[in-house]
Amino acid sequence: MAAMTILVAAQVFFRYVLSSSIDSADELSRLFFVWSIFLALPHGIRYGVHVGIDLLPMALSAKLQDLLFCAMNIFSAGLMIAVAYASWLIIVDKWAERMPTLPLTASLYYLPVLICCAHAVLHMVLLIWNGPRLWKDVSL
């Protein structure tokens, strides 16, 4: 996030003060943004701070809530594995493709998705194994 902020600020300074431009600023700032978002997502999964509607689950008994929690984590881990597989296929497919302004592979946009999915699956397995109150006493 810091690199993205510094780069965008430098681009604004170069463009409006020096009447010049950093050619790769847009591409690099987008790449930094993608990486920062996808590397942060699993940490929200860890604590369960994602957006959710809990009207129905809260009406269930504690045992059914725990069972539903486990089932949803199994389902979500399965989806993460599917997305990880798809991102791996895209990474392999795009590896030879280069970014327009940088001599880097275009796969760098998809690599954080793969890392995010693998990290998220690890958190979900931990939650499935230990239950929904695993991080209850840990402060955010």
C-alpha atoms as a PDB file:
ATOM      1  CA  MET A   1       0.000   0.000   0.000  1.00  0.00           C
ATOM      2  CA  ALA A   2       2.863   2.350   0.828  1.00  0.00           C
ATOM      3  CA  ALA A   3       4.576   1.694  -2.518  1.00  0.00           C
ATOM      4  CA  MET A   4       1.311   2.289  -4.363  1.00  0.00           C
ATOM      5  CA  THR A   5       0.664   5.541  -2.473  1.00  0.00           C
ATOM      6  CA  ILE A   6       4.185   6.843  -3.040  1.00  0.00           C
ATOM      7  CA  LEU A   7       4.075   5.934  -6.716  1.00  0.00           C
ATOM      8  CA  VAL A   8       0.711   7.618  -7.329  1.00  0.00           C
ATOM      9  CA  ALA A   9       1.842  10.733  -5.431  1.00  0.00           C
ATOM     10  CA  ALA A  10       5.059  10.842  -7.461  1.00  0.00           C
ATOM     11  CA  GLN A  11       3.070  10.435 -10.687  1.00  0.00           C
ATOM     12  CA  VAL A  12       0.801  13.352  -9.741  1.00  0.00           C
ATOM     13  CA  PHE A  13       3.851  15.487  -8.882  1.00  0.00           C
ATOM     14  CA  PHE A  14       5.626  14.591 -12.130  1.00  0.00           C
ATOM     15  CA  ARG A  15       2.524  15.170 -14.244  1.00  0.00           C
ATOM     16  CA  TYR A  16       1.313  18.479 -12.778  1.00  0.00           C
ATOM     17  CA  VAL A  17       4.524  20.092 -11.547  1.00  0.00           C
ATOM     18  CA  LEU A  18       7.159  18.835 -13.963  1.00  0.00           C
ATOM     19  CA  SER A  19       4.858  18.275 -16.987  1.00  0.00           C
ATOM     20  CA  SER A  20       6.310  14.804 -17.352  1.00  0.00           C
ATOM     21  CA  SER A  21       5.103  11.321 -16.559  1.00  0.00           C
ATOM     22  CA  ILE A  22       6.271   8.011 -15.167  1.00  0.00           C
ATOM     23  CA  ASP A  23       5.446   5.594 -18.005  1.00  0.00           C
ATOM     24  CA  SER A  24       4.808   2.553 -15.844  1.00  0.00           C
ATOM     25  CA  ALA A  25       3.072   4.328 -12.940  1.00  0.00           C
ATOM     26  CA  ASP A  26      -0.464   3.245 -13.835  1.00  0.00           C
ATOM     27  CA  GLU A  27       0.530  -0.355 -14.391  1.00  0.00           C
ATOM     28  CA  LEU A  28       2.695  -0.554 -11.266  1.00  0.00           C
ATOM     29  CA  SER A  29       0.103   1.099  -9.017  1.00  0.00           C
ATOM     30  CA  ARG A  30      -2.547  -1.330 -10.303  1.00  0.00           C
ATOM     31  CA  LEU A  31      -0.179  -4.250  -9.663  1.00  0.00           C
ATOM     32  CA  PHE A  32       0.552  -3.021  -6.120  1.00  0.00           C
ATOM     33  CA  PHE A  33      -3.179  -2.623  -5.488  1.00  0.00           C
ATOM     34  CA  VAL A  34      -3.988  -6.154  -6.686  1.00  0.00           C
ATOM     35  CA  TRP A  35      -1.206  -7.633  -4.547  1.00  0.00           C
ATOM     36  CA  SER A  36      -2.192  -5.686  -1.424  1.00  0.00           C
ATOM     37  CA  ILE A  37      -5.866  -6.676  -1.693  1.00  0.00           C
ATOM     38  CA  PHE A  38      -5.318 -10.373  -2.375  1.00  0.00           C
ATOM     39  CA  LEU A  39      -2.635 -10.731   0.292  1.00  0.00           C
ATOM     40  CA  ALA A  40      -4.964  -9.117   2.859  1.00  0.00           C
ATOM     41  CA  LEU A  41      -8.111 -11.165   2.113  1.00  0.00           C
ATOM     42  CA  PRO A  42      -7.089 -14.341   4.006  1.00  0.00           C
ATOM     43  CA  HIS A  43      -6.538 -12.322   7.176  1.00  0.00           C
ATOM     44  CA  GLY A  44     -10.210 -11.322   7.104  1.00  0.00           C
ATOM     45  CA  ILE A  45     -11.159 -14.977   6.649  1.00  0.00           C
ATOM     46  CA  ARG A  46      -9.095 -15.850   9.696  1.00  0.00           C
ATOM     47  CA  TYR A  47     -11.313 -13.767  11.980  1.00  0.00           C
ATOM     48  CA  GLY A  48     -14.529 -14.111   9.978  1.00  0.00           C
ATOM     49  CA  VAL A  49     -14.797 -10.372   9.403  1.00  0.00           C
ATOM     50  CA  HIS A  50     -16.260 -10.722   5.915  1.00  0.00           C
ATOM     51  CA  VAL A  51     -19.699  -9.337   5.175  1.00  0.00           C
ATOM     52  CA  GLY A  52     -22.464 -11.782   5.951  1.00  0.00           C
ATOM     53  CA  ILE A  53     -26.148 -12.012   6.748  1.00  0.00           C
ATOM     54  CA  ASP A  54     -26.653 -14.045   9.899  1.00  0.00           C
ATOM     55  CA  LEU A  55     -30.410 -13.832  10.400  1.00  0.00           C
ATOM     56  CA  LEU A  56     -31.001 -17.541   9.747  1.00  0.00           C
ATOM     57  CA  PRO A  57     -27.870 -18.904  11.493  1.00  0.00           C
ATOM     58  CA  MET A  58     -28.608 -16.895  14.654  1.00  0.00           C
ATOM     59  CA  ALA A  59     -32.042 -18.522  14.857  1.00  0.00           C
ATOM     60  CA  LEU A  60     -30.416 -21.982  15.010  1.00  0.00           C
ATOM     61  CA  SER A  61     -29.133 -23.746  18.094  1.00  0.00           C
ATOM     62  CA  ALA A  62     -25.435 -23.459  18.980  1.00  0.00           C
ATOM     63  CA  LYS A  63     -24.780 -27.011  17.775  1.00  0.00           C
ATOM     64  CA  LEU A  64     -26.449 -26.346  14.414  1.00  0.00           C
ATOM     65  CA  GLN A  65     -24.580 -23.047  14.102  1.00  0.00           C
ATOM     66  CA  ASP A  66     -21.287 -24.902  14.591  1.00  0.00           C
ATOM     67  CA  LEU A  67     -22.315 -27.532  12.041  1.00  0.00           C
ATOM     68  CA  LEU A  68     -23.315 -24.848   9.518  1.00  0.00           C
ATOM     69  CA  PHE A  69     -20.025 -23.019  10.187  1.00  0.00           C
ATOM     70  CA  CYS A  70     -18.066 -26.189   9.457  1.00  0.00           C
ATOM     71  CA  ALA A  71     -20.098 -26.961   6.319  1.00  0.00           C
ATOM     72  CA  MET A  72     -19.655 -23.438   4.932  1.00  0.00           C
ATOM     73  CA  ASN A  73     -15.903 -23.559   5.568  1.00  0.00           C
ATOM     74  CA  ILE A  74     -15.662 -26.903   3.753  1.00  0.00           C
ATOM     75  CA  PHE A  75     -17.662 -25.481   0.837  1.00  0.00           C
ATOM     76  CA  SER A  76     -15.594 -22.267   0.813  1.00  0.00           C
ATOM     77  CA  ALA A  77     -12.314 -24.186   0.928  1.00  0.00           C
ATOM     78  CA  GLY A  78     -13.509 -26.201  -2.056  1.00  0.00           C
ATOM     79  CA  LEU A  79     -14.261 -22.999  -3.945  1.00  0.00           C
ATOM     80  CA  MET A  80     -10.848 -21.595  -3.028  1.00  0.00           C
ATOM     81  CA  ILE A  81      -9.192 -24.753  -4.349  1.00  0.00           C
ATOM     82  CA  ALA A  82     -11.137 -24.384  -7.625  1.00  0.00           C
ATOM     83  CA  VAL A  83     -10.131 -20.717  -7.934  1.00  0.00           C
ATOM     84  CA  ALA A  84      -6.512 -21.602  -7.107  1.00  0.00           C
ATOM     85  CA  TYR A  85      -6.520 -24.223  -9.856  1.00  0.00           C
ATOM     86  CA  ALA A  86      -8.015 -21.765 -12.360  1.00  0.00           C
ATOM     87  CA  SER A  87      -5.488 -19.089 -11.392  1.00  0.00           C
ATOM     88  CA  TRP A  88      -2.662 -21.611 -11.820  1.00  0.00           C
ATOM     89  CA  LEU A  89      -3.902 -22.367 -15.358  1.00  0.00           C
ATOM     90  CA  ILE A  90      -4.038 -18.638 -16.150  1.00  0.00           C
ATOM     91  CA  ILE A  91      -0.559 -18.061 -14.697  1.00  0.00           C
ATOM     92  CA  VAL A  92       0.873 -20.810 -16.900  1.00  0.00           C
ATOM     93  CA  ASP A  93      -1.028 -19.508 -19.940  1.00  0.00           C
ATOM     94  CA  LYS A  94       0.026 -15.854 -19.455  1.00  0.00           C
ATOM     95  CA  TRP A  95       3.639 -16.486 -18.383  1.00  0.00           C
ATOM     96  CA  ALA A  96       5.135 -15.588 -21.781  1.00  0.00           C
ATOM     97  CA  GLU A  97       2.986 -12.462 -22.112  1.00  0.00           C
ATOM     98  CA  ARG A  98       4.686  -9.237 -21.026  1.00  0.00           C
ATOM     99  CA  MET A  99       3.223  -6.089 -19.517  1.00  0.00           C
ATOM    100  CA  PRO A 100       3.012  -3.140 -21.925  1.00  0.00           C
ATOM    101  CA  THR A 101       5.329  -0.781 -20.015  1.00  0.00           C
ATOM    102  CA  LEU A 102       7.421  -3.183 -17.936  1.00  0.00           C
ATOM    103  CA  PRO A 103       9.615  -6.141 -18.856  1.00  0.00           C
ATOM    104  CA  LEU A 104       7.651  -8.366 -16.455  1.00  0.00           C
ATOM    105  CA  THR A 105       5.280 -11.248 -17.012  1.00  0.00           C
ATOM    106  CA  ALA A 106       1.558 -10.467 -17.053  1.00  0.00           C
ATOM    107  CA  SER A 107       1.136 -13.464 -14.733  1.00  0.00           C
ATOM    108  CA  LEU A 108       2.093 -11.198 -11.840  1.00  0.00           C
ATOM    109  CA  TYR A 109      -1.542 -10.052 -11.784  1.00  0.00           C
ATOM    110  CA  TYR A 110      -2.741 -13.618 -11.165  1.00  0.00           C
ATOM    111  CA  LEU A 111      -0.040 -14.861  -8.788  1.00  0.00           C
ATOM    112  CA  PRO A 112      -1.529 -13.080  -5.732  1.00  0.00           C
ATOM    113  CA  VAL A 113      -4.852 -14.809  -6.427  1.00  0.00           C
ATOM    114  CA  LEU A 114      -3.114 -18.182  -6.170  1.00  0.00           C
ATOM    115  CA  ILE A 115      -1.316 -17.156  -2.974  1.00  0.00           C
ATOM    116  CA  CYS A 116      -4.569 -15.776  -1.525  1.00  0.00           C
ATOM    117  CA  CYS A 117      -6.449 -18.995  -2.239  1.00  0.00           C
ATOM    118  CA  ALA A 118      -3.749 -21.203  -0.721  1.00  0.00           C
ATOM    119  CA  HIS A 119      -3.540 -19.000   2.379  1.00  0.00           C
ATOM    120  CA  ALA A 120      -7.342 -18.854   2.689  1.00  0.00           C
ATOM    121  CA  VAL A 121      -7.628 -22.657   2.466  1.00  0.00           C
ATOM    122  CA  LEU A 122      -5.119 -22.985   5.318  1.00  0.00           C
ATOM    123  CA  HIS A 123      -7.250 -20.651   7.472  1.00  0.00           C
ATOM    124  CA  MET A 124     -10.414 -22.552   6.592  1.00  0.00           C
ATOM    125  CA  VAL A 125      -8.855 -25.919   7.415  1.00  0.00           C
ATOM    126  CA  LEU A 126      -7.789 -24.476  10.766  1.00  0.00           C
ATOM    127  CA  LEU A 127     -11.323 -23.183  11.376  1.00  0.00           C
ATOM    128  CA  ILE A 128     -12.871 -26.518  10.350  1.00  0.00           C
ATOM    129  CA  TRP A 129     -10.516 -28.381  12.660  1.00  0.00           C
ATOM    130  CA  ASN A 130     -10.861 -26.077  15.697  1.00  0.00           C
ATOM    131  CA  GLY A 131     -14.353 -24.614  15.334  1.00  0.00           C
ATOM    132  CA  PRO A 132     -15.820 -21.112  15.126  1.00  0.00           C
ATOM    133  CA  ARG A 133     -14.516 -19.907  18.492  1.00  0.00           C
ATOM    134  CA  LEU A 134     -10.844 -20.464  17.619  1.00  0.00           C
ATOM    135  CA  TRP A 135      -9.956 -16.756  17.544  1.00  0.00           C
ATOM    136  CA  LYS A 136     -12.657 -15.555  19.962  1.00  0.00           C
ATOM    137  CA  ASP A 137     -10.230 -14.374  22.640  1.00  0.00           C
ATOM    138  CA  VAL A 138      -7.688 -12.929  20.195  1.00  0.00           C
ATOM    139  CA  SER A 139      -8.001  -9.172  19.646  1.00  0.00           C
ATOM    140  CA  LEU A 140      -8.053  -7.763  16.126  1.00  0.00           C
END
